[in-house]
C-alpha cells in the first residue's frame, strides 16, 4: 500500500471520528441545562422593577410588566376597613432578597429569591379567634342588650365592624412574617422582557390566598 492510500484512509478515519465526536457533543449538550452566554441586564432590571412595584403596592405597574398584563384588581383592591387593614399589613411586611443571579431556562431566564411577608390564611384564622373572644367579652359586659342586638335580634353591624377591626389590628400586631422561596421566570417576547405570572408568583402577591 503506497503512502497516498494510507494517508487517504487516515483522513477518512479522522473524518468519521470527528463526526462521531461532534454527534456525541451535540447529544451531551441536549442533556445539559441552557447556559447564558451573557447576563441579560434588561431582565435583571425588570425583576427589580416588579419587586419594587409590589413593595409599593402599585399593582397596575406590576401588571404592566407581566406577560399578558393580567388583571390584579381582586388582589390589590380589598373590600372594607378590615380588608384594607390586612392588605396594608401585607405591604408593610413585604421584603425580598435575591439568592442568585439570572440563569437560563428553556423559555428565557429566571431569578431565585427569598420573599418574606405575613401569611394571610394564618392571620385570618387568628383574627377569627380574637373576634370571637372580643365579642364574647363585649356581650358579657353589656348592661343593655340593645347595644349588642338590633331589632332583628342580630348583632349590630357597627358592633361587628368594630370587633373585626380591633381583632384585625391585634392579629397583625402579633403576625410573624413567613419566608418562602420565589423564582421569577422571564421570557423575551415582542422585543422586550416580560415576567411570567405563574401560580407561585400569584400566591406571593396574594399573601398565600391564591394558588
N, C-alpha and C. Protein backbone atom coordinates (compact mmCIF):
# COMPACT_ATOMS: atom_id res chain seq x y z
N UNK A 1 0.86 -1.19 0.00
CA UNK A 1 0.00 0.00 0.00
C UNK A 1 0.90 1.24 0.00
N UNK A 2 0.66 2.12 -0.98
CA UNK A 2 1.54 3.28 -1.06
C UNK A 2 1.12 4.35 -0.07
N UNK A 3 1.97 5.36 0.06
CA UNK A 3 1.75 6.41 1.05
C UNK A 3 0.48 7.20 0.83
N UNK A 4 0.10 7.42 -0.44
CA UNK A 4 -1.10 8.22 -0.70
C UNK A 4 -2.37 7.51 -0.25
N UNK A 5 -2.38 6.15 -0.42
CA UNK A 5 -3.55 5.39 0.00
C UNK A 5 -3.68 5.38 1.53
N UNK A 6 -2.51 5.24 2.20
CA UNK A 6 -2.53 5.24 3.68
C UNK A 6 -3.03 6.59 4.20
N UNK A 7 -2.52 7.66 3.60
CA UNK A 7 -2.95 9.00 4.01
C UNK A 7 -4.43 9.20 3.79
N UNK A 8 -4.91 8.67 2.64
CA UNK A 8 -6.33 8.81 2.32
C UNK A 8 -7.20 8.10 3.34
N UNK A 9 -6.78 6.87 3.72
CA UNK A 9 -7.55 6.11 4.71
C UNK A 9 -7.51 6.78 6.09
N UNK A 10 -6.36 7.32 6.45
CA UNK A 10 -6.24 8.02 7.74
C UNK A 10 -7.16 9.24 7.78
N UNK A 11 -7.18 9.98 6.68
CA UNK A 11 -8.04 11.15 6.62
C UNK A 11 -9.52 10.75 6.72
N UNK A 12 -9.83 9.64 6.04
CA UNK A 12 -11.22 9.15 6.10
C UNK A 12 -11.59 8.74 7.51
N UNK A 13 -10.66 8.04 8.20
CA UNK A 13 -10.90 7.63 9.58
C UNK A 13 -11.07 8.83 10.50
N UNK A 14 -10.23 9.83 10.29
CA UNK A 14 -10.33 11.06 11.09
C UNK A 14 -11.67 11.75 10.87
N UNK A 15 -12.13 11.75 9.64
CA UNK A 15 -13.42 12.37 9.33
C UNK A 15 -14.55 11.67 10.07
N UNK A 16 -14.49 10.30 10.07
CA UNK A 16 -15.52 9.53 10.78
C UNK A 16 -15.47 9.81 12.28
N UNK A 17 -14.25 9.81 12.83
CA UNK A 17 -14.10 10.08 14.26
C UNK A 17 -14.60 11.48 14.62
N UNK A 18 -14.28 12.45 13.76
CA UNK A 18 -14.73 13.83 14.00
C UNK A 18 -16.25 13.91 14.01
N UNK A 19 -16.87 13.21 13.08
CA UNK A 19 -18.34 13.20 13.01
C UNK A 19 -18.94 12.57 14.26
N UNK A 20 -18.32 11.45 14.72
CA UNK A 20 -18.83 10.77 15.92
C UNK A 20 -18.69 11.65 17.15
N UNK A 21 -17.52 12.32 17.28
CA UNK A 21 -17.30 13.21 18.43
C UNK A 21 -18.29 14.36 18.40
N UNK A 22 -18.51 14.93 17.21
CA UNK A 22 -19.45 16.05 17.08
C UNK A 22 -20.85 15.62 17.48
N UNK A 23 -21.26 14.43 17.01
CA UNK A 23 -22.60 13.93 17.37
C UNK A 23 -22.72 13.70 18.86
N UNK A 24 -21.65 13.15 19.46
CA UNK A 24 -21.66 12.90 20.91
C UNK A 24 -21.78 14.20 21.69
N UNK A 25 -21.06 15.22 21.23
CA UNK A 25 -21.12 16.53 21.90
C UNK A 25 -22.51 17.14 21.78
N UNK A 26 -23.14 16.96 20.60
CA UNK A 26 -24.49 17.51 20.42
C UNK A 26 -25.49 16.84 21.35
N UNK A 27 -25.40 15.51 21.46
CA UNK A 27 -26.28 14.78 22.36
C UNK A 27 -26.05 15.20 23.80
N UNK A 28 -24.77 15.36 24.18
CA UNK A 28 -24.43 15.78 25.53
C UNK A 28 -24.98 17.17 25.83
N UNK A 29 -24.88 18.06 24.83
CA UNK A 29 -25.37 19.43 25.02
C UNK A 29 -26.88 19.44 25.23
N UNK A 30 -27.60 18.55 24.53
CA UNK A 30 -29.05 18.49 24.70
C UNK A 30 -29.43 18.08 26.11
N UNK A 31 -28.55 17.32 26.78
CA UNK A 31 -28.85 16.86 28.13
C UNK A 31 -28.49 17.89 29.20
N UNK A 32 -27.76 18.91 28.80
CA UNK A 32 -27.32 19.92 29.76
C UNK A 32 -28.34 21.05 29.84
N UNK A 33 -28.44 21.72 31.00
CA UNK A 33 -29.33 22.88 31.10
C UNK A 33 -28.83 24.02 30.24
N UNK A 34 -29.75 24.91 29.77
CA UNK A 34 -29.33 26.03 28.95
C UNK A 34 -28.31 26.89 29.69
N UNK A 35 -27.38 27.46 28.96
CA UNK A 35 -26.34 28.29 29.55
C UNK A 35 -26.41 29.69 28.94
N UNK A 36 -26.33 30.70 29.79
CA UNK A 36 -26.33 32.07 29.30
C UNK A 36 -24.96 32.44 28.76
N UNK A 37 -24.93 32.98 27.56
CA UNK A 37 -23.68 33.48 27.00
C UNK A 37 -23.28 34.76 27.71
N UNK A 38 -24.28 35.61 28.02
CA UNK A 38 -24.05 36.84 28.76
C UNK A 38 -25.26 37.11 29.63
N UNK A 39 -25.07 37.86 30.69
CA UNK A 39 -26.17 38.16 31.60
C UNK A 39 -27.12 39.17 30.96
N UNK A 40 -28.43 38.85 30.86
CA UNK A 40 -29.39 39.78 30.28
C UNK A 40 -29.73 40.89 31.28
N UNK A 41 -29.03 41.99 31.18
CA UNK A 41 -29.20 43.09 32.12
C UNK A 41 -30.64 43.58 32.17
N UNK A 42 -31.31 43.63 31.03
CA UNK A 42 -32.68 44.13 31.00
C UNK A 42 -33.62 43.24 31.81
N UNK A 43 -33.38 41.95 31.78
CA UNK A 43 -34.21 41.03 32.56
C UNK A 43 -33.99 41.23 34.05
N UNK A 44 -32.75 41.45 34.46
CA UNK A 44 -32.45 41.68 35.87
C UNK A 44 -33.10 42.97 36.35
N UNK A 45 -33.05 44.00 35.51
CA UNK A 45 -33.70 45.28 35.87
C UNK A 45 -35.20 45.08 35.99
N UNK A 46 -35.77 44.29 35.09
CA UNK A 46 -37.21 44.02 35.12
C UNK A 46 -37.61 43.33 36.42
N UNK A 47 -36.82 42.36 36.85
CA UNK A 47 -37.12 41.66 38.10
C UNK A 47 -37.13 42.64 39.28
N UNK A 48 -36.15 43.53 39.32
CA UNK A 48 -36.08 44.52 40.39
C UNK A 48 -37.27 45.47 40.34
N UNK A 49 -37.67 45.87 39.13
CA UNK A 49 -38.81 46.76 38.98
C UNK A 49 -40.08 46.12 39.52
N UNK A 50 -40.30 44.86 39.15
CA UNK A 50 -41.50 44.17 39.62
C UNK A 50 -41.56 44.11 41.13
N UNK A 51 -40.44 43.72 41.77
CA UNK A 51 -40.44 43.58 43.22
C UNK A 51 -40.66 44.93 43.91
N UNK A 52 -40.14 46.00 43.33
CA UNK A 52 -40.37 47.33 43.90
C UNK A 52 -41.83 47.74 43.74
N UNK A 53 -42.42 47.43 42.60
CA UNK A 53 -43.84 47.74 42.40
C UNK A 53 -44.70 47.03 43.45
N UNK A 54 -44.35 45.76 43.72
CA UNK A 54 -45.11 45.01 44.72
C UNK A 54 -44.92 45.63 46.10
N UNK A 55 -43.68 45.99 46.44
CA UNK A 55 -43.39 46.59 47.74
C UNK A 55 -44.18 47.88 47.95
N UNK A 56 -44.37 48.63 46.85
CA UNK A 56 -45.08 49.91 46.93
C UNK A 56 -46.59 49.75 46.80
N UNK A 57 -47.04 48.53 46.50
CA UNK A 57 -48.47 48.30 46.33
C UNK A 57 -49.00 48.82 45.01
N UNK A 58 -48.11 49.07 44.04
CA UNK A 58 -48.52 49.58 42.74
C UNK A 58 -48.75 48.39 41.81
N UNK A 59 -49.95 47.80 41.89
CA UNK A 59 -50.21 46.59 41.14
C UNK A 59 -50.58 46.86 39.69
N UNK A 60 -50.94 48.12 39.36
CA UNK A 60 -51.12 48.46 37.95
C UNK A 60 -49.77 48.38 37.24
N UNK A 61 -48.74 48.94 37.89
CA UNK A 61 -47.40 48.89 37.31
C UNK A 61 -46.88 47.46 37.28
N UNK A 62 -47.18 46.68 38.33
CA UNK A 62 -46.75 45.29 38.37
C UNK A 62 -47.36 44.51 37.20
N UNK A 63 -48.64 44.73 36.95
CA UNK A 63 -49.31 44.04 35.85
C UNK A 63 -48.72 44.43 34.50
N UNK A 64 -48.28 45.68 34.38
CA UNK A 64 -47.79 46.18 33.09
C UNK A 64 -46.50 45.51 32.64
N UNK A 65 -45.77 44.87 33.57
CA UNK A 65 -44.51 44.21 33.19
C UNK A 65 -44.66 42.69 33.16
N UNK A 66 -45.91 42.20 33.34
CA UNK A 66 -46.16 40.77 33.28
C UNK A 66 -46.68 40.38 31.91
N UNK A 67 -46.31 39.20 31.46
CA UNK A 67 -46.76 38.69 30.17
C UNK A 67 -48.29 38.58 30.17
N UNK A 68 -48.92 39.22 29.20
CA UNK A 68 -50.37 39.21 29.13
C UNK A 68 -51.05 40.29 29.95
N UNK A 69 -50.27 41.01 30.76
CA UNK A 69 -50.80 42.08 31.62
C UNK A 69 -52.08 41.65 32.34
N UNK A 70 -51.97 40.64 33.21
CA UNK A 70 -53.17 40.12 33.89
C UNK A 70 -53.77 41.14 34.85
N UNK A 71 -55.08 41.04 35.05
CA UNK A 71 -55.76 41.93 35.99
C UNK A 71 -55.46 41.48 37.42
N UNK A 72 -54.95 42.40 38.23
CA UNK A 72 -54.65 42.10 39.63
C UNK A 72 -55.61 42.83 40.55
N UNK A 73 -56.72 43.31 39.99
CA UNK A 73 -57.69 44.07 40.77
C UNK A 73 -58.19 43.37 42.01
N UNK A 74 -58.64 42.08 41.90
CA UNK A 74 -59.15 41.39 43.09
C UNK A 74 -58.11 41.28 44.20
N UNK A 75 -56.82 41.26 43.83
CA UNK A 75 -55.78 41.15 44.83
C UNK A 75 -55.48 42.50 45.45
N UNK A 76 -55.39 43.54 44.61
CA UNK A 76 -54.91 44.81 45.11
C UNK A 76 -56.01 45.73 45.64
N UNK A 77 -57.30 45.35 45.47
CA UNK A 77 -58.40 46.20 45.93
C UNK A 77 -59.28 45.47 46.94
N UNK A 78 -58.79 45.25 48.15
CA UNK A 78 -59.61 44.57 49.16
C UNK A 78 -60.80 45.42 49.57
N UNK A 79 -61.87 44.76 49.97
CA UNK A 79 -63.08 45.48 50.35
C UNK A 79 -63.11 45.73 51.85
N UNK A 80 -63.68 46.88 52.25
CA UNK A 80 -63.93 47.17 53.65
C UNK A 80 -62.71 47.57 54.45
N UNK A 81 -62.98 48.07 55.64
CA UNK A 81 -61.92 48.54 56.52
C UNK A 81 -60.97 47.42 56.91
N UNK A 82 -61.53 46.26 57.25
CA UNK A 82 -60.69 45.13 57.68
C UNK A 82 -59.82 44.65 56.53
N UNK A 83 -60.40 44.55 55.33
CA UNK A 83 -59.63 44.12 54.17
C UNK A 83 -58.46 45.05 53.89
N UNK A 84 -58.70 46.34 54.00
CA UNK A 84 -57.63 47.32 53.76
C UNK A 84 -56.55 47.24 54.85
N UNK A 85 -56.99 47.01 56.09
CA UNK A 85 -56.02 46.85 57.18
C UNK A 85 -55.10 45.66 56.90
N UNK A 86 -55.69 44.55 56.50
CA UNK A 86 -54.90 43.35 56.23
C UNK A 86 -53.97 43.58 55.05
N UNK A 87 -54.47 44.24 54.01
CA UNK A 87 -53.64 44.46 52.83
C UNK A 87 -52.46 45.39 53.14
N UNK A 88 -52.73 46.45 53.91
CA UNK A 88 -51.64 47.34 54.30
C UNK A 88 -50.63 46.63 55.19
N UNK A 89 -51.13 45.71 56.01
CA UNK A 89 -50.23 44.91 56.84
C UNK A 89 -49.34 44.03 55.98
N UNK A 90 -49.90 43.49 54.91
CA UNK A 90 -49.11 42.68 53.98
C UNK A 90 -48.01 43.53 53.33
N UNK A 91 -48.37 44.71 52.84
CA UNK A 91 -47.39 45.57 52.17
C UNK A 91 -46.29 46.00 53.14
N UNK A 92 -46.67 46.31 54.38
CA UNK A 92 -45.68 46.73 55.37
C UNK A 92 -44.70 45.61 55.71
N UNK A 93 -45.17 44.37 55.60
CA UNK A 93 -44.33 43.24 55.99
C UNK A 93 -43.51 42.68 54.83
N UNK A 94 -43.78 43.14 53.62
CA UNK A 94 -43.19 42.53 52.42
C UNK A 94 -41.73 42.94 52.24
N UNK A 95 -40.85 41.95 52.17
CA UNK A 95 -39.44 42.18 51.87
C UNK A 95 -38.98 41.07 50.92
N UNK A 96 -37.88 41.31 50.22
CA UNK A 96 -37.35 40.29 49.33
C UNK A 96 -35.83 40.40 49.27
N UNK A 97 -35.21 39.28 48.94
CA UNK A 97 -33.75 39.23 48.84
C UNK A 97 -33.36 38.22 47.77
N UNK A 98 -32.52 38.65 46.82
CA UNK A 98 -32.06 37.74 45.78
C UNK A 98 -31.10 36.69 46.36
N UNK A 99 -31.23 35.48 45.87
CA UNK A 99 -30.33 34.41 46.31
C UNK A 99 -29.40 33.94 45.19
N UNK A 100 -29.43 34.65 44.08
CA UNK A 100 -28.55 34.30 42.97
C UNK A 100 -28.77 35.25 41.81
N UNK A 101 -28.04 35.06 40.75
CA UNK A 101 -28.18 35.90 39.57
C UNK A 101 -29.01 35.16 38.52
N UNK A 102 -29.26 35.84 37.40
CA UNK A 102 -30.05 35.27 36.31
C UNK A 102 -29.43 33.97 35.80
N UNK A 103 -30.29 33.01 35.46
CA UNK A 103 -29.81 31.80 34.81
C UNK A 103 -30.80 31.41 33.71
N UNK A 104 -30.31 30.67 32.75
CA UNK A 104 -31.13 30.34 31.58
C UNK A 104 -32.15 29.25 31.89
N UNK A 105 -33.30 29.33 31.24
CA UNK A 105 -34.33 28.30 31.28
C UNK A 105 -34.68 27.95 29.83
N UNK A 106 -35.55 26.96 29.66
CA UNK A 106 -35.94 26.57 28.30
C UNK A 106 -36.69 27.68 27.57
N UNK A 107 -37.36 28.56 28.33
CA UNK A 107 -38.18 29.60 27.70
C UNK A 107 -37.66 31.01 27.92
N UNK A 108 -36.53 31.17 28.59
CA UNK A 108 -36.00 32.50 28.85
C UNK A 108 -34.96 32.48 29.95
N UNK A 109 -35.20 33.26 31.01
CA UNK A 109 -34.29 33.29 32.15
C UNK A 109 -35.11 33.28 33.43
N UNK A 110 -34.42 33.07 34.55
CA UNK A 110 -35.09 33.05 35.84
C UNK A 110 -34.16 33.62 36.90
N UNK A 111 -34.76 34.09 38.01
CA UNK A 111 -34.00 34.57 39.15
C UNK A 111 -34.63 34.03 40.41
N UNK A 112 -33.80 33.53 41.32
CA UNK A 112 -34.28 32.99 42.60
C UNK A 112 -34.15 34.03 43.69
N UNK A 113 -35.11 34.02 44.62
CA UNK A 113 -35.07 34.95 45.74
C UNK A 113 -35.84 34.37 46.92
N UNK A 114 -35.71 35.02 48.05
CA UNK A 114 -36.50 34.71 49.25
C UNK A 114 -37.41 35.89 49.51
N UNK A 115 -38.68 35.60 49.70
CA UNK A 115 -39.68 36.65 49.96
C UNK A 115 -40.25 36.44 51.35
N UNK A 116 -40.38 37.52 52.11
CA UNK A 116 -40.98 37.44 53.44
C UNK A 116 -42.20 38.35 53.51
N UNK A 117 -43.27 37.85 54.08
CA UNK A 117 -44.49 38.63 54.27
C UNK A 117 -45.40 37.86 55.21
N UNK A 118 -46.42 38.55 55.72
CA UNK A 118 -47.37 37.85 56.57
C UNK A 118 -48.14 36.84 55.75
N UNK A 119 -48.60 35.79 56.41
CA UNK A 119 -49.37 34.74 55.76
C UNK A 119 -50.84 35.00 56.05
N UNK A 120 -51.58 35.43 55.01
CA UNK A 120 -52.98 35.80 55.20
C UNK A 120 -53.83 34.70 55.84
N UNK A 121 -53.76 33.46 55.37
CA UNK A 121 -54.59 32.43 55.99
C UNK A 121 -54.38 32.31 57.50
N UNK A 122 -53.14 32.40 57.94
CA UNK A 122 -52.85 32.32 59.37
C UNK A 122 -53.39 33.54 60.12
N UNK A 123 -53.20 34.71 59.52
CA UNK A 123 -53.67 35.94 60.15
C UNK A 123 -55.20 35.94 60.24
N UNK A 124 -55.86 35.50 59.20
CA UNK A 124 -57.32 35.47 59.19
C UNK A 124 -57.85 34.47 60.23
N UNK A 125 -57.16 33.32 60.36
CA UNK A 125 -57.57 32.34 61.37
C UNK A 125 -57.44 32.95 62.77
N UNK A 126 -56.32 33.65 63.02
CA UNK A 126 -56.11 34.31 64.31
C UNK A 126 -57.15 35.40 64.52
N UNK A 127 -57.45 36.14 63.45
CA UNK A 127 -58.45 37.21 63.54
C UNK A 127 -59.80 36.64 63.98
N UNK A 128 -60.19 35.51 63.41
CA UNK A 128 -61.48 34.90 63.76
C UNK A 128 -61.55 34.52 65.23
N UNK A 129 -60.46 33.94 65.75
CA UNK A 129 -60.43 33.56 67.16
C UNK A 129 -60.53 34.78 68.07
N UNK A 130 -59.76 35.81 67.72
CA UNK A 130 -59.78 37.03 68.54
C UNK A 130 -61.13 37.71 68.48
N UNK A 131 -61.75 37.72 67.30
CA UNK A 131 -63.06 38.36 67.17
C UNK A 131 -64.09 37.65 68.04
N UNK A 132 -64.03 36.32 68.07
CA UNK A 132 -64.96 35.58 68.91
C UNK A 132 -64.78 35.90 70.38
N UNK A 133 -63.53 36.01 70.82
CA UNK A 133 -63.25 36.33 72.22
C UNK A 133 -63.70 37.75 72.56
N UNK A 134 -63.41 38.69 71.67
CA UNK A 134 -63.79 40.08 71.91
C UNK A 134 -65.31 40.24 71.96
N UNK A 135 -66.00 39.54 71.06
CA UNK A 135 -67.46 39.63 71.05
C UNK A 135 -68.05 39.02 72.30
N UNK A 136 -67.51 37.90 72.73
CA UNK A 136 -68.00 37.24 73.95
C UNK A 136 -67.82 38.17 75.15
N UNK A 137 -66.67 38.81 75.25
CA UNK A 137 -66.43 39.72 76.37
C UNK A 137 -67.34 40.94 76.32
N UNK A 138 -67.59 41.44 75.08
CA UNK A 138 -68.46 42.60 74.96
C UNK A 138 -69.88 42.26 75.40
N UNK A 139 -70.37 41.09 75.00
CA UNK A 139 -71.72 40.67 75.39
C UNK A 139 -71.78 40.47 76.90
N UNK A 140 -70.75 39.88 77.46
CA UNK A 140 -70.73 39.61 78.90
C UNK A 140 -70.74 40.90 79.71
N UNK A 141 -70.10 41.94 79.22
CA UNK A 141 -70.02 43.19 79.97
C UNK A 141 -71.17 44.16 79.69
N UNK A 142 -71.96 43.85 78.67
CA UNK A 142 -73.01 44.78 78.26
C UNK A 142 -74.09 44.91 79.33
N UNK A 143 -74.46 46.15 79.60
CA UNK A 143 -75.54 46.41 80.56
C UNK A 143 -76.87 46.54 79.85
N UNK A 144 -76.82 46.83 78.56
CA UNK A 144 -78.05 46.97 77.76
C UNK A 144 -77.86 46.16 76.47
N UNK A 145 -78.70 45.13 76.28
CA UNK A 145 -78.58 44.27 75.11
C UNK A 145 -78.86 45.00 73.81
N UNK A 146 -79.48 46.17 73.89
CA UNK A 146 -79.70 46.95 72.67
C UNK A 146 -78.37 47.43 72.08
N UNK A 147 -77.34 47.43 72.91
CA UNK A 147 -76.01 47.78 72.40
C UNK A 147 -75.42 46.65 71.55
N UNK A 148 -75.98 45.47 71.75
CA UNK A 148 -75.44 44.29 71.09
C UNK A 148 -76.30 43.86 69.90
N UNK A 149 -77.61 43.81 70.09
CA UNK A 149 -78.51 43.29 69.07
C UNK A 149 -79.38 44.38 68.47
N UNK A 150 -79.73 44.19 67.18
CA UNK A 150 -80.65 45.13 66.54
C UNK A 150 -82.07 44.62 66.67
N UNK A 151 -82.99 45.25 65.96
CA UNK A 151 -84.41 44.90 66.08
C UNK A 151 -84.71 43.50 65.52
N UNK A 152 -83.78 42.95 64.76
CA UNK A 152 -83.97 41.62 64.21
C UNK A 152 -83.23 40.56 65.04
N UNK A 153 -82.76 40.95 66.21
CA UNK A 153 -82.04 40.07 67.13
C UNK A 153 -80.73 39.55 66.53
N UNK A 154 -80.16 40.33 65.65
CA UNK A 154 -78.84 40.02 65.08
C UNK A 154 -77.83 41.01 65.65
N UNK A 155 -76.56 40.62 65.63
CA UNK A 155 -75.53 41.55 66.12
C UNK A 155 -75.55 42.82 65.28
N UNK A 156 -75.45 43.94 65.95
CA UNK A 156 -75.42 45.22 65.25
C UNK A 156 -74.21 45.27 64.31
N UNK A 157 -74.43 45.77 63.11
CA UNK A 157 -73.36 45.82 62.11
C UNK A 157 -72.20 46.69 62.58
N UNK A 158 -72.52 47.80 63.25
CA UNK A 158 -71.44 48.68 63.71
C UNK A 158 -70.59 47.99 64.79
N UNK A 159 -71.27 47.14 65.61
CA UNK A 159 -70.54 46.38 66.62
C UNK A 159 -69.64 45.33 65.97
N UNK A 160 -70.18 44.63 64.98
CA UNK A 160 -69.40 43.61 64.28
C UNK A 160 -68.18 44.23 63.61
N UNK A 161 -68.40 45.39 62.98
CA UNK A 161 -67.29 46.06 62.31
C UNK A 161 -66.22 46.50 63.30
N UNK A 162 -66.66 47.01 64.44
CA UNK A 162 -65.72 47.44 65.48
C UNK A 162 -64.91 46.26 66.01
N UNK A 163 -65.59 45.14 66.25
CA UNK A 163 -64.92 43.95 66.77
C UNK A 163 -63.91 43.42 65.76
N UNK A 164 -64.33 43.33 64.50
CA UNK A 164 -63.44 42.81 63.47
C UNK A 164 -62.22 43.71 63.27
N UNK A 165 -62.43 44.99 63.31
CA UNK A 165 -61.32 45.93 63.15
C UNK A 165 -60.31 45.79 64.28
N UNK A 166 -60.84 45.70 65.51
CA UNK A 166 -59.96 45.53 66.67
C UNK A 166 -59.21 44.21 66.60
N UNK A 167 -59.92 43.15 66.21
CA UNK A 167 -59.28 41.83 66.11
C UNK A 167 -58.21 41.82 65.02
N UNK A 168 -58.48 42.50 63.90
CA UNK A 168 -57.51 42.56 62.80
C UNK A 168 -56.24 43.28 63.24
N UNK A 169 -56.39 44.37 63.97
CA UNK A 169 -55.22 45.12 64.44
C UNK A 169 -54.38 44.26 65.39
N UNK A 170 -55.05 43.53 66.26
CA UNK A 170 -54.33 42.66 67.20
C UNK A 170 -53.61 41.53 66.46
N UNK A 171 -54.32 40.92 65.50
CA UNK A 171 -53.72 39.81 64.75
C UNK A 171 -52.51 40.28 63.95
N UNK A 172 -52.60 41.46 63.36
CA UNK A 172 -51.49 41.98 62.58
C UNK A 172 -50.29 42.34 63.47
N UNK A 173 -50.58 42.83 64.66
CA UNK A 173 -49.50 43.18 65.59
C UNK A 173 -48.68 41.95 65.96
N UNK A 174 -49.35 40.82 66.12
CA UNK A 174 -48.66 39.60 66.54
C UNK A 174 -48.20 38.72 65.37
N UNK A 175 -48.58 39.09 64.15
CA UNK A 175 -48.24 38.24 62.99
C UNK A 175 -46.74 38.27 62.72
N UNK A 176 -46.18 37.11 62.48
CA UNK A 176 -44.77 36.99 62.14
C UNK A 176 -44.62 36.72 60.64
N UNK A 177 -43.78 37.49 59.95
CA UNK A 177 -43.58 37.25 58.51
C UNK A 177 -43.09 35.83 58.25
N UNK A 178 -43.56 35.27 57.17
CA UNK A 178 -43.16 33.93 56.75
C UNK A 178 -42.27 34.07 55.52
N UNK A 179 -41.13 33.40 55.53
CA UNK A 179 -40.20 33.45 54.40
C UNK A 179 -40.45 32.26 53.48
N UNK A 180 -40.48 32.53 52.20
CA UNK A 180 -40.70 31.45 51.23
C UNK A 180 -39.87 31.72 49.97
N UNK A 181 -39.45 30.68 49.27
CA UNK A 181 -38.67 30.88 48.05
C UNK A 181 -39.58 31.32 46.90
N UNK A 182 -39.04 32.12 46.03
CA UNK A 182 -39.76 32.56 44.84
C UNK A 182 -38.80 32.56 43.66
N UNK A 183 -39.20 31.95 42.58
CA UNK A 183 -38.43 32.01 41.34
C UNK A 183 -39.21 32.83 40.32
N UNK A 184 -38.62 33.93 39.89
CA UNK A 184 -39.23 34.76 38.85
C UNK A 184 -38.79 34.23 37.49
N UNK A 185 -39.76 33.88 36.68
CA UNK A 185 -39.46 33.44 35.32
C UNK A 185 -39.74 34.58 34.35
N UNK A 186 -38.81 34.82 33.44
CA UNK A 186 -38.95 35.89 32.47
C UNK A 186 -38.71 35.37 31.07
N UNK A 187 -39.47 35.92 30.13
CA UNK A 187 -39.35 35.48 28.75
C UNK A 187 -39.27 36.70 27.84
N UNK A 188 -38.63 36.54 26.70
CA UNK A 188 -38.46 37.63 25.74
C UNK A 188 -39.52 37.50 24.65
N UNK A 189 -40.35 38.53 24.50
CA UNK A 189 -41.44 38.47 23.53
C UNK A 189 -41.71 39.87 22.99
N UNK A 190 -41.90 39.96 21.69
CA UNK A 190 -42.20 41.22 21.03
C UNK A 190 -41.18 42.31 21.37
N UNK A 191 -39.92 41.92 21.39
CA UNK A 191 -38.85 42.89 21.54
C UNK A 191 -38.54 43.33 22.95
N UNK A 192 -39.13 42.67 23.97
CA UNK A 192 -38.82 43.05 25.34
C UNK A 192 -39.01 41.87 26.29
N UNK A 193 -38.47 42.04 27.50
CA UNK A 193 -38.59 41.01 28.53
C UNK A 193 -39.88 41.19 29.31
N UNK A 194 -40.48 40.07 29.70
CA UNK A 194 -41.71 40.06 30.50
C UNK A 194 -41.56 39.07 31.65
N UNK A 195 -42.20 39.37 32.77
CA UNK A 195 -42.28 38.41 33.87
C UNK A 195 -43.47 37.49 33.62
N UNK A 196 -43.25 36.21 33.78
CA UNK A 196 -44.32 35.23 33.57
C UNK A 196 -45.12 35.09 34.88
N UNK A 197 -46.41 35.44 34.88
CA UNK A 197 -47.21 35.39 36.11
C UNK A 197 -47.70 33.98 36.42
N UNK A 198 -46.83 33.15 37.00
CA UNK A 198 -47.22 31.78 37.30
C UNK A 198 -47.89 31.69 38.67
N UNK A 199 -48.30 30.48 39.04
CA UNK A 199 -49.04 30.27 40.29
C UNK A 199 -48.22 30.67 41.51
N UNK A 200 -46.91 30.41 41.47
CA UNK A 200 -46.05 30.74 42.62
C UNK A 200 -46.01 32.24 42.85
N UNK A 201 -45.88 33.01 41.79
CA UNK A 201 -45.84 34.46 41.92
C UNK A 201 -47.18 35.00 42.40
N UNK A 202 -48.28 34.52 41.85
CA UNK A 202 -49.61 34.99 42.26
C UNK A 202 -49.89 34.64 43.71
N UNK A 203 -49.37 33.50 44.18
CA UNK A 203 -49.54 33.13 45.58
C UNK A 203 -48.84 34.14 46.49
N UNK A 204 -47.62 34.53 46.11
CA UNK A 204 -46.89 35.52 46.89
C UNK A 204 -47.61 36.86 46.87
N UNK A 205 -48.11 37.26 45.71
CA UNK A 205 -48.79 38.55 45.58
C UNK A 205 -50.04 38.63 46.45
N UNK A 206 -50.66 37.49 46.70
CA UNK A 206 -51.90 37.48 47.47
C UNK A 206 -51.69 37.08 48.93
N UNK A 207 -50.45 36.98 49.36
CA UNK A 207 -50.19 36.58 50.73
C UNK A 207 -50.58 35.16 51.03
N UNK A 208 -50.59 34.32 50.00
CA UNK A 208 -50.91 32.91 50.20
C UNK A 208 -52.37 32.55 50.02
N UNK A 209 -53.20 33.51 49.57
CA UNK A 209 -54.63 33.21 49.41
C UNK A 209 -54.98 32.77 48.01
N UNK A 210 -54.05 32.92 47.04
CA UNK A 210 -54.27 32.49 45.66
C UNK A 210 -53.20 31.50 45.28
N UNK A 211 -53.58 30.46 44.60
CA UNK A 211 -52.59 29.48 44.13
C UNK A 211 -52.35 28.37 45.12
